[in-house]
PDB file of all heavy atoms in Angstrom:
ATOM      1  N   ILE A   1     107.882 150.253  89.385  1.00  0.00           N
ATOM      2  CA  ILE A   1     107.778 150.990  88.161  1.00  0.00           C
ATOM      3  C   ILE A   1     106.408 151.618  87.923  1.00  0.00           C
ATOM      4  O   ILE A   1     106.284 152.733  87.710  1.00  0.00           O
ATOM      5  CB  ILE A   1     108.140 150.067  86.930  1.00  0.00           C
ATOM      6  CG1 ILE A   1     109.529 149.676  86.939  1.00  0.00           C
ATOM      7  CG2 ILE A   1     107.652 150.693  85.582  1.00  0.00           C
ATOM      8  CD1 ILE A   1     109.928 148.507  85.997  1.00  0.00           C
ATOM      9  N   SER A   2     105.363 150.809  88.332  1.00  0.00           N
ATOM     10  CA  SER A   2     104.020 151.383  88.339  1.00  0.00           C
ATOM     11  C   SER A   2     103.872 152.567  89.252  1.00  0.00           C
ATOM     12  O   SER A   2     103.228 153.565  88.853  1.00  0.00           O
ATOM     13  CB  SER A   2     102.980 150.242  88.735  1.00  0.00           C
ATOM     14  OG  SER A   2     102.996 149.212  87.742  1.00  0.00           O
ATOM     15  N   SER A   3     104.428 152.390  90.430  1.00  0.00           N
ATOM     16  CA  SER A   3     104.340 153.511  91.484  1.00  0.00           C
ATOM     17  C   SER A   3     105.024 154.773  90.980  1.00  0.00           C
ATOM     18  O   SER A   3     104.472 155.920  91.110  1.00  0.00           O
ATOM     19  CB  SER A   3     104.914 153.057  92.821  1.00  0.00           C
ATOM     20  OG  SER A   3     104.890 154.070  93.707  1.00  0.00           O
ATOM     21  N   LEU A   4     106.168 154.624  90.421  1.00  0.00           N
ATOM     22  CA  LEU A   4     106.932 155.863  89.919  1.00  0.00           C
ATOM     23  C   LEU A   4     106.242 156.472  88.751  1.00  0.00           C
ATOM     24  O   LEU A   4     106.088 157.699  88.709  1.00  0.00           O
ATOM     25  CB  LEU A   4     108.403 155.509  89.621  1.00  0.00           C
ATOM     26  CG  LEU A   4     108.907 155.203  88.221  1.00  0.00           C
ATOM     27  CD1 LEU A   4     109.152 156.481  87.423  1.00  0.00           C
ATOM     28  CD2 LEU A   4     110.173 154.379  88.396  1.00  0.00           C
ATOM     29  N   CYS A   5     105.607 155.712  87.892  1.00  0.00           N
ATOM     30  CA  CYS A   5     104.845 156.230  86.697  1.00  0.00           C
ATOM     31  C   CYS A   5     103.655 156.964  87.229  1.00  0.00           C
ATOM     32  O   CYS A   5     103.269 158.055  86.719  1.00  0.00           O
ATOM     33  CB  CYS A   5     104.494 155.102  85.697  1.00  0.00           C
ATOM     34  SG  CYS A   5     105.928 154.436  84.907  1.00  0.00           S
ATOM     35  N   ARG A   6     102.938 156.345  88.157  1.00  0.00           N
ATOM     36  CA  ARG A   6     101.659 157.008  88.730  1.00  0.00           C
ATOM     37  C   ARG A   6     102.016 158.256  89.406  1.00  0.00           C
ATOM     38  O   ARG A   6     101.188 159.156  89.505  1.00  0.00           O
ATOM     39  CB  ARG A   6     100.899 155.960  89.550  1.00  0.00           C
ATOM     40  CG  ARG A   6     100.540 154.703  88.910  1.00  0.00           C
ATOM     41  CD  ARG A   6      99.110 154.766  88.252  1.00  0.00           C
ATOM     42  NE  ARG A   6      98.777 153.490  87.784  1.00  0.00           N
ATOM     43  CZ  ARG A   6      98.678 153.140  86.488  1.00  0.00           C
ATOM     44  NH1 ARG A   6      98.872 154.022  85.562  1.00  0.00           N
ATOM     45  NH2 ARG A   6      98.285 151.988  86.100  1.00  0.00           N
ATOM     46  N   ALA A   7     103.230 158.346  90.037  1.00  0.00           N
ATOM     47  CA  ALA A   7     103.612 159.593  90.717  1.00  0.00           C
ATOM     48  C   ALA A   7     103.788 160.701  89.725  1.00  0.00           C
ATOM     49  O   ALA A   7     103.648 161.929  90.067  1.00  0.00           O
ATOM     50  CB  ALA A   7     104.909 159.386  91.544  1.00  0.00           C
ATOM     51  N   ILE A   8     104.094 160.362  88.488  1.00  0.00           N
ATOM     52  CA  ILE A   8     104.270 161.438  87.462  1.00  0.00           C
ATOM     53  C   ILE A   8     102.941 161.755  86.840  1.00  0.00           C
ATOM     54  O   ILE A   8     102.595 162.901  86.614  1.00  0.00           O
ATOM     55  CB  ILE A   8     105.296 160.934  86.362  1.00  0.00           C
ATOM     56  CG1 ILE A   8     106.676 160.727  87.000  1.00  0.00           C
ATOM     57  CG2 ILE A   8     105.413 161.933  85.234  1.00  0.00           C
ATOM     58  CD1 ILE A   8     107.644 159.906  86.201  1.00  0.00           C
ATOM     59  N   ASP A   9     102.211 160.667  86.453  1.00  0.00           N
ATOM     60  CA  ASP A   9     100.954 160.856  85.741  1.00  0.00           C
ATOM     61  C   ASP A   9     100.014 159.679  86.164  1.00  0.00           C
ATOM     62  O   ASP A   9     100.283 158.551  85.834  1.00  0.00           O
ATOM     63  CB  ASP A   9     101.077 160.888  84.303  1.00  0.00           C
ATOM     64  CG  ASP A   9      99.825 160.923  83.485  1.00  0.00           C
ATOM     65  OD1 ASP A   9      98.775 160.980  84.037  1.00  0.00           O
ATOM     66  OD2 ASP A   9      99.930 160.904  82.205  1.00  0.00           O
ATOM     67  N   PRO A  10      98.908 159.940  86.864  1.00  0.00           N
ATOM     68  CA  PRO A  10      98.064 158.785  87.342  1.00  0.00           C
ATOM     69  C   PRO A  10      97.415 158.028  86.229  1.00  0.00           C
ATOM     70  O   PRO A  10      97.029 156.947  86.390  1.00  0.00           O
ATOM     71  CB  PRO A  10      96.941 159.510  88.116  1.00  0.00           C
ATOM     72  CG  PRO A  10      97.510 160.862  88.467  1.00  0.00           C
ATOM     73  CD  PRO A  10      98.521 161.227  87.442  1.00  0.00           C
ATOM     74  N   ASN A  11      97.404 158.580  85.006  1.00  0.00           N
ATOM     75  CA  ASN A  11      96.860 157.934  83.816  1.00  0.00           C
ATOM     76  C   ASN A  11      97.943 157.378  82.840  1.00  0.00           C
ATOM     77  O   ASN A  11      97.627 157.066  81.737  1.00  0.00           O
ATOM     78  CB  ASN A  11      95.998 158.944  83.006  1.00  0.00           C
ATOM     79  CG  ASN A  11      94.791 159.351  83.928  1.00  0.00           C
ATOM     80  OD1 ASN A  11      94.112 158.577  84.541  1.00  0.00           O
ATOM     81  ND2 ASN A  11      94.633 160.668  83.921  1.00  0.00           N
ATOM     82  N   ASP A  12      99.160 157.286  83.262  1.00  0.00           N
ATOM     83  CA  ASP A  12     100.240 156.830  82.493  1.00  0.00           C
ATOM     84  C   ASP A  12      99.956 155.384  81.939  1.00  0.00           C
ATOM     85  O   ASP A  12      99.524 154.523  82.585  1.00  0.00           O
ATOM     86  CB  ASP A  12     101.561 156.750  83.279  1.00  0.00           C
ATOM     87  CG  ASP A  12     102.773 156.730  82.474  1.00  0.00           C
ATOM     88  OD1 ASP A  12     102.722 156.295  81.295  1.00  0.00           O
ATOM     89  OD2 ASP A  12     103.890 157.023  82.940  1.00  0.00           O
ATOM     90  N   TYR A  13     100.256 155.127  80.581  1.00  0.00           N
ATOM     91  CA  TYR A  13     100.116 153.923  80.004  1.00  0.00           C
ATOM     92  C   TYR A  13     101.179 152.913  80.351  1.00  0.00           C
ATOM     93  O   TYR A  13     101.027 151.700  80.158  1.00  0.00           O
ATOM     94  CB  TYR A  13     100.016 154.092  78.494  1.00  0.00           C
ATOM     95  CG  TYR A  13     101.346 154.354  77.818  1.00  0.00           C
ATOM     96  CD1 TYR A  13     102.158 153.299  77.309  1.00  0.00           C
ATOM     97  CD2 TYR A  13     101.883 155.695  77.773  1.00  0.00           C
ATOM     98  CE1 TYR A  13     103.440 153.551  76.717  1.00  0.00           C
ATOM     99  CE2 TYR A  13     103.088 155.878  77.180  1.00  0.00           C
ATOM    100  CZ  TYR A  13     103.875 154.881  76.692  1.00  0.00           C
ATOM    101  OH  TYR A  13     105.091 155.155  76.097  1.00  0.00           O
ATOM    102  N   VAL A  14     102.362 153.361  80.788  1.00  0.00           N
ATOM    103  CA  VAL A  14     103.485 152.546  81.002  1.00  0.00           C
ATOM    104  C   VAL A  14     103.215 151.397  81.948  1.00  0.00           C
ATOM    105  O   VAL A  14     103.675 150.169  81.696  1.00  0.00           O
ATOM    106  CB  VAL A  14     104.735 153.382  81.352  1.00  0.00           C
ATOM    107  CG1 VAL A  14     105.872 152.423  81.818  1.00  0.00           C
ATOM    108  CG2 VAL A  14     105.111 154.237  80.210  1.00  0.00           C
ATOM    109  N   PRO A  15     102.538 151.541  83.112  1.00  0.00           N
ATOM    110  CA  PRO A  15     102.438 150.334  83.977  1.00  0.00           C
ATOM    111  C   PRO A  15     101.759 149.226  83.347  1.00  0.00           C
ATOM    112  O   PRO A  15     102.106 148.124  83.599  1.00  0.00           O
ATOM    113  CB  PRO A  15     101.590 150.931  85.151  1.00  0.00           C
ATOM    114  CG  PRO A  15     101.901 152.361  85.226  1.00  0.00           C
ATOM    115  CD  PRO A  15     102.084 152.775  83.729  1.00  0.00           C
ATOM    116  N   ASN A  16     100.769 149.485  82.478  1.00  0.00           N
ATOM    117  CA  ASN A  16     100.103 148.374  81.718  1.00  0.00           C
ATOM    118  C   ASN A  16     100.954 147.858  80.671  1.00  0.00           C
ATOM    119  O   ASN A  16     100.961 146.606  80.360  1.00  0.00           O
ATOM    120  CB  ASN A  16      98.739 148.888  81.209  1.00  0.00           C
ATOM    121  CG  ASN A  16      97.820 149.163  82.295  1.00  0.00           C
ATOM    122  OD1 ASN A  16      97.678 148.439  83.363  1.00  0.00           O
ATOM    123  ND2 ASN A  16      97.036 150.231  82.131  1.00  0.00           N
ATOM    124  N   ALA A  17     101.728 148.686  79.931  1.00  0.00           N
ATOM    125  CA  ALA A  17     102.529 148.229  78.852  1.00  0.00           C
ATOM    126  C   ALA A  17     103.741 147.447  79.294  1.00  0.00           C
ATOM    127  O   ALA A  17     104.153 146.543  78.571  1.00  0.00           O
ATOM    128  CB  ALA A  17     102.869 149.434  77.997  1.00  0.00           C
ATOM    129  N   TRP A  18     104.255 147.822  80.414  1.00  0.00           N
ATOM    130  CA  TRP A  18     105.513 147.304  80.936  1.00  0.00           C
ATOM    131  C   TRP A  18     105.490 145.816  81.022  1.00  0.00           C
ATOM    132  O   TRP A  18     106.389 145.082  80.587  1.00  0.00           O
ATOM    133  CB  TRP A  18     105.955 147.921  82.265  1.00  0.00           C
ATOM    134  CG  TRP A  18     107.335 147.645  82.665  1.00  0.00           C
ATOM    135  CD1 TRP A  18     107.894 146.661  83.285  1.00  0.00           C
ATOM    136  CD2 TRP A  18     108.455 148.456  82.219  1.00  0.00           C
ATOM    137  NE1 TRP A  18     109.309 146.737  83.423  1.00  0.00           N
ATOM    138  CE2 TRP A  18     109.638 147.899  82.722  1.00  0.00           C
ATOM    139  CE3 TRP A  18     108.564 149.615  81.478  1.00  0.00           C
ATOM    140  CZ2 TRP A  18     110.883 148.468  82.474  1.00  0.00           C
ATOM    141  CZ3 TRP A  18     109.873 150.191  81.286  1.00  0.00           C
ATOM    142  CH2 TRP A  18     111.003 149.536  81.759  1.00  0.00           C
ATOM    143  N   ALA A  19     104.370 145.238  81.537  1.00  0.00           N
ATOM    144  CA  ALA A  19     104.236 143.759  81.675  1.00  0.00           C
ATOM    145  C   ALA A  19     104.255 143.135  80.347  1.00  0.00           C
ATOM    146  O   ALA A  19     104.909 142.056  80.118  1.00  0.00           O
ATOM    147  CB  ALA A  19     103.038 143.412  82.476  1.00  0.00           C
ATOM    148  N   THR A  20     103.608 143.781  79.375  1.00  0.00           N
ATOM    149  CA  THR A  20     103.539 143.236  77.987  1.00  0.00           C
ATOM    150  C   THR A  20     104.942 143.197  77.415  1.00  0.00           C
ATOM    151  O   THR A  20     105.357 142.250  76.788  1.00  0.00           O
ATOM    152  CB  THR A  20     102.610 144.051  77.135  1.00  0.00           C
ATOM    153  OG1 THR A  20     101.305 144.022  77.784  1.00  0.00           O
ATOM    154  CG2 THR A  20     102.547 143.523  75.669  1.00  0.00           C
ATOM    155  N   TRP A  21     105.665 144.293  77.594  1.00  0.00           N
ATOM    156  CA  TRP A  21     107.091 144.363  77.015  1.00  0.00           C
ATOM    157  C   TRP A  21     107.996 143.350  77.674  1.00  0.00           C
ATOM    158  O   TRP A  21     108.796 142.727  77.030  1.00  0.00           O
ATOM    159  CB  TRP A  21     107.633 145.791  77.256  1.00  0.00           C
ATOM    160  CG  TRP A  21     106.918 146.867  76.526  1.00  0.00           C
ATOM    161  CD1 TRP A  21     106.288 146.787  75.358  1.00  0.00           C
ATOM    162  CD2 TRP A  21     106.836 148.216  76.926  1.00  0.00           C
ATOM    163  NE1 TRP A  21     105.722 148.004  75.044  1.00  0.00           N
ATOM    164  CE2 TRP A  21     106.063 148.913  75.945  1.00  0.00           C
ATOM    165  CE3 TRP A  21     107.315 148.956  78.068  1.00  0.00           C
ATOM    166  CZ2 TRP A  21     105.776 150.284  75.976  1.00  0.00           C
ATOM    167  CZ3 TRP A  21     107.050 150.340  78.085  1.00  0.00           C
ATOM    168  CH2 TRP A  21     106.245 150.973  77.077  1.00  0.00           C
ATOM    169  N   MET A  22     107.815 143.189  78.999  1.00  0.00           N
ATOM    170  CA  MET A  22     108.649 142.234  79.665  1.00  0.00           C
ATOM    171  C   MET A  22     108.336 140.800  79.124  1.00  0.00           C
ATOM    172  O   MET A  22     109.311 140.001  78.874  1.00  0.00           O
ATOM    173  CB  MET A  22     108.409 142.225  81.187  1.00  0.00           C
ATOM    174  CG  MET A  22     109.008 143.488  81.885  1.00  0.00           C
ATOM    175  SD  MET A  22     110.838 143.515  81.972  1.00  0.00           S
ATOM    176  CE  MET A  22     111.173 142.188  83.140  1.00  0.00           C
ATOM    177  N   GLU A  23     107.113 140.487  79.012  1.00  0.00           N
ATOM    178  CA  GLU A  23     106.698 139.194  78.586  1.00  0.00           C
ATOM    179  C   GLU A  23     107.202 138.880  77.122  1.00  0.00           C
ATOM    180  O   GLU A  23     107.629 137.784  76.853  1.00  0.00           O
ATOM    181  CB  GLU A  23     105.142 138.990  78.595  1.00  0.00           C
ATOM    182  CG  GLU A  23     104.662 137.642  78.388  1.00  0.00           C
ATOM    183  CD  GLU A  23     103.087 137.590  78.610  1.00  0.00           C
ATOM    184  OE1 GLU A  23     102.671 137.989  79.707  1.00  0.00           O
ATOM    185  OE2 GLU A  23     102.435 137.263  77.610  1.00  0.00           O
ATOM    186  N   ALA A  24     107.074 139.949  76.270  1.00  0.00           N
ATOM    187  CA  ALA A  24     107.455 139.736  74.861  1.00  0.00           C
ATOM    188  C   ALA A  24     108.934 139.458  74.705  1.00  0.00           C
ATOM    189  O   ALA A  24     109.421 138.634  73.848  1.00  0.00           O
ATOM    190  CB  ALA A  24     107.088 140.928  74.025  1.00  0.00           C
ATOM    191  N   GLY A  25     109.740 140.064  75.627  1.00  0.00           N
ATOM    192  CA  GLY A  25     111.198 139.777  75.584  1.00  0.00           C
ATOM    193  C   GLY A  25     111.940 140.304  74.434  1.00  0.00           C
ATOM    194  O   GLY A  25     113.093 139.881  74.206  1.00  0.00           O
ATOM    195  N   LYS A  26     111.387 141.153  73.544  1.00  0.00           N
ATOM    196  CA  LYS A  26     112.029 141.580  72.336  1.00  0.00           C
ATOM    197  C   LYS A  26     112.849 142.901  72.598  1.00  0.00           C
ATOM    198  O   LYS A  26     113.790 143.116  71.809  1.00  0.00           O
ATOM    199  CB  LYS A  26     111.054 141.881  71.219  1.00  0.00           C
ATOM    200  CG  LYS A  26     110.192 140.688  70.814  1.00  0.00           C
ATOM    201  CD  LYS A  26     109.315 141.012  69.622  1.00  0.00           C
ATOM    202  CE  LYS A  26     108.649 142.363  69.681  1.00  0.00           C
ATOM    203  NZ  LYS A  26     107.701 142.615  68.548  1.00  0.00           N
ATOM    204  N   GLY A  27     112.554 143.633  73.600  1.00  0.00           N
ATOM    205  CA  GLY A  27     113.183 144.825  73.779  1.00  0.00           C
ATOM    206  C   GLY A  27     114.101 144.884  74.930  1.00  0.00           C
ATOM    207  O   GLY A  27     114.536 143.833  75.535  1.00  0.00           O
ATOM    208  N   ILE A  28     114.425 146.134  75.343  1.00  0.00           N
ATOM    209  CA  ILE A  28     115.373 146.346  76.435  1.00  0.00           C
ATOM    210  C   ILE A  28     114.632 147.124  77.440  1.00  0.00           C
ATOM    211  O   ILE A  28     114.159 148.258  77.244  1.00  0.00           O
ATOM    212  CB  ILE A  28     116.622 147.196  75.872  1.00  0.00           C
ATOM    213  CG1 ILE A  28     117.273 146.506  74.756  1.00  0.00           C
ATOM    214  CG2 ILE A  28     117.470 147.553  77.049  1.00  0.00           C
ATOM    215  CD1 ILE A  28     118.181 147.385  73.848  1.00  0.00           C
ATOM    216  N   ASN A  29     114.352 146.515  78.585  1.00  0.00           N
ATOM    217  CA  ASN A  29     113.745 147.184  79.727  1.00  0.00           C
ATOM    218  C   ASN A  29     114.753 147.476  80.769  1.00  0.00           C
ATOM    219  O   ASN A  29     115.378 146.544  81.267  1.00  0.00           O
ATOM    220  CB  ASN A  29     112.661 146.175  80.318  1.00  0.00           C
ATOM    221  CG  ASN A  29     111.573 145.748  79.375  1.00  0.00           C
ATOM    222  OD1 ASN A  29     111.845 145.066  78.357  1.00  0.00           O
ATOM    223  ND2 ASN A  29     110.361 146.185  79.626  1.00  0.00           N
ATOM    224  N   LEU A  30     114.984 148.803  81.003  1.00  0.00           N
ATOM    225  CA  LEU A  30     115.979 149.206  81.999  1.00  0.00           C
ATOM    226  C   LEU A  30     115.312 149.896  83.174  1.00  0.00           C
ATOM    227  O   LEU A  30     114.303 150.540  82.985  1.00  0.00           O
ATOM    228  CB  LEU A  30     116.965 150.102  81.319  1.00  0.00           C
ATOM    229  CG  LEU A  30     117.750 149.609  80.161  1.00  0.00           C
ATOM    230  CD1 LEU A  30     118.726 150.713  79.594  1.00  0.00           C
ATOM    231  CD2 LEU A  30     118.648 148.376  80.593  1.00  0.00           C
ATOM    232  N   VAL A  31     116.020 149.751  84.296  1.00  0.00           N
ATOM    233  CA  VAL A  31     115.498 150.566  85.489  1.00  0.00           C
ATOM    234  C   VAL A  31     116.778 151.212  86.085  1.00  0.00           C
ATOM    235  O   VAL A  31     117.907 150.786  85.869  1.00  0.00           O
ATOM    236  CB  VAL A  31     114.867 149.659  86.584  1.00  0.00           C
ATOM    237  CG1 VAL A  31     113.548 149.178  86.054  1.00  0.00           C
ATOM    238  CG2 VAL A  31     115.740 148.658  87.096  1.00  0.00           C
ATOM    239  N   ALA A  32     116.575 152.357  86.685  1.00  0.00           N
ATOM    240  CA  ALA A  32     117.558 153.026  87.532  1.00  0.00           C
ATOM    241  C   ALA A  32     117.223 152.671  88.995  1.00  0.00           C
ATOM    242  O   ALA A  32     116.047 152.866  89.398  1.00  0.00           O
ATOM    243  CB  ALA A  32     117.525 154.476  87.277  1.00  0.00           C
ATOM    244  N   GLN A  33     118.166 152.184  89.710  1.00  0.00           N
ATOM    245  CA  GLN A  33     117.994 151.795  91.084  1.00  0.00           C
ATOM    246  C   GLN A  33     118.855 152.555  91.987  1.00  0.00           C
ATOM    247  O   GLN A  33     120.123 152.579  91.837  1.00  0.00           O
ATOM    248  CB  GLN A  33     118.155 150.316  91.227  1.00  0.00           C
ATOM    249  CG  GLN A  33     117.991 149.836  92.632  1.00  0.00           C
ATOM    250  CD  GLN A  33     118.122 148.262  92.730  1.00  0.00           C
ATOM    251  OE1 GLN A  33     117.922 147.572  91.772  1.00  0.00           O
ATOM    252  NE2 GLN A  33     118.496 147.815  93.900  1.00  0.00           N
ATOM    253  N   SER A  34     118.237 153.155  92.991  1.00  0.00           N
ATOM    254  CA  SER A  34     118.993 153.903  94.028  1.00  0.00           C
ATOM    255  C   SER A  34     118.645 153.192  95.387  1.00  0.00           C
ATOM    256  O   SER A  34     117.582 153.201  95.799  1.00  0.00           O
ATOM    257  CB  SER A  34     118.544 155.317  94.082  1.00  0.00           C
ATOM    258  OG  SER A  34     119.249 156.106  95.121  1.00  0.00           O
ATOM    259  N   GLY A  35     119.700 152.604  96.014  1.00  0.00           N
ATOM    260  CA  GLY A  35     119.426 151.763  97.200  1.00  0.00           C
ATOM    261  C   GLY A  35     118.601 150.570  96.783  1.00  0.00           C
ATOM    262  O   GLY A  35     118.823 149.918  95.836  1.00  0.00           O
ATOM    263  N   ASP A  36     117.415 150.434  97.497  1.00  0.00           N
ATOM    264  CA  ASP A  36     116.515 149.272  97.144  1.00  0.00           C
ATOM    265  C   ASP A  36     115.305 149.820  96.341  1.00  0.00           C
ATOM    266  O   ASP A  36     114.341 149.086  96.160  1.00  0.00           O
ATOM    267  CB  ASP A  36     116.121 148.540  98.355  1.00  0.00           C
ATOM    268  CG  ASP A  36     115.406 149.457  99.407  1.00  0.00           C
ATOM    269  OD1 ASP A  36     115.337 150.629  99.158  1.00  0.00           O
ATOM    270  OD2 ASP A  36     114.919 148.885 100.364  1.00  0.00           O
ATOM    271  N   ARG A  37     115.385 151.046  95.829  1.00  0.00           N
ATOM    272  CA  ARG A  37     114.256 151.726  95.225  1.00  0.00           C
ATOM    273  C   ARG A  37     114.494 151.912  93.712  1.00  0.00           C
ATOM    274  O   ARG A  37     115.517 152.421  93.308  1.00  0.00           O
ATOM    275  CB  ARG A  37     114.003 153.005  95.814  1.00  0.00           C
ATOM    276  CG  ARG A  37     112.822 153.744  95.407  1.00  0.00           C
ATOM    277  CD  ARG A  37     112.521 154.940  96.212  1.00  0.00           C
ATOM    278  NE  ARG A  37     112.363 156.033  95.269  1.00  0.00           N
ATOM    279  CZ  ARG A  37     112.422 157.292  95.610  1.00  0.00           C
ATOM    280  NH1 ARG A  37     112.633 157.730  96.847  1.00  0.00           N
ATOM    281  NH2 ARG A  37     112.252 158.185  94.682  1.00  0.00           N
ATOM    282  N   VAL A  38     113.466 151.625  92.902  1.00  0.00           N
ATOM    283  CA  VAL A  38     113.527 151.900  91.429  1.00  0.00           C
ATOM    284  C   VAL A  38     113.147 153.372  91.333  1.00  0.00           C
ATOM    285  O   VAL A  38     111.999 153.734  91.735  1.00  0.00           O
ATOM    286  CB  VAL A  38     112.579 150.988  90.663  1.00  0.00           C
ATOM    287  CG1 VAL A  38     112.436 151.500  89.245  1.00  0.00           C
ATOM    288  CG2 VAL A  38     113.059 149.509  90.693  1.00  0.00           C
ATOM    289  N   CYS A  39     113.990 154.155  90.706  1.00  0.00           N
ATOM    290  CA  CYS A  39     113.764 155.570  90.624  1.00  0.00           C
ATOM    291  C   CYS A  39     113.633 156.066  89.194  1.00  0.00           C
ATOM    292  O   CYS A  39     113.408 157.242  88.917  1.00  0.00           O
ATOM    293  CB  CYS A  39     114.796 156.380  91.369  1.00  0.00           C
ATOM    294  SG  CYS A  39     116.449 156.206  90.778  1.00  0.00           S
ATOM    295  N   GLY A  40     113.758 155.107  88.225  1.00  0.00           N
ATOM    296  CA  GLY A  40     113.605 155.460  86.826  1.00  0.00           C
ATOM    297  C   GLY A  40     113.476 154.232  85.951  1.00  0.00           C
ATOM    298  O   GLY A  40     113.774 153.116  86.424  1.00  0.00           O
ATOM    299  N   CYS A  41     112.977 154.417  84.730  1.00  0.00           N
ATOM    300  CA  CYS A  41     112.760 153.311  83.863  1.00  0.00           C
ATOM    301  C   CYS A  41     112.870 153.836  82.453  1.00  0.00           C
ATOM    302  O   CYS A  41     112.689 154.968  82.166  1.00  0.00           O
ATOM    303  CB  CYS A  41     111.560 152.530  84.023  1.00  0.00           C
ATOM    304  SG  CYS A  41     109.986 153.420  83.774  1.00  0.00           S
ATOM    305  N   ALA A  42     113.101 152.893  81.440  1.00  0.00           N
ATOM    306  CA  ALA A  42     113.195 153.184  80.045  1.00  0.00           C
ATOM    307  C   ALA A  42     113.002 151.943  79.272  1.00  0.00           C
ATOM    308  O   ALA A  42     113.382 150.898  79.732  1.00  0.00           O
ATOM    309  CB  ALA A  42     114.474 153.964  79.701  1.00  0.00           C
TER     310      ALA A  42
END
């Protein structure tokens, strides 16, 4: 997820926020997976 976000914008806030969201467990963290690669997130 960090790698795909940095490919779009090297200063993206999502890589840092994602871990917080996962840990909090209140939301819905989704990924799109193609083969063994994550190609999207929301």
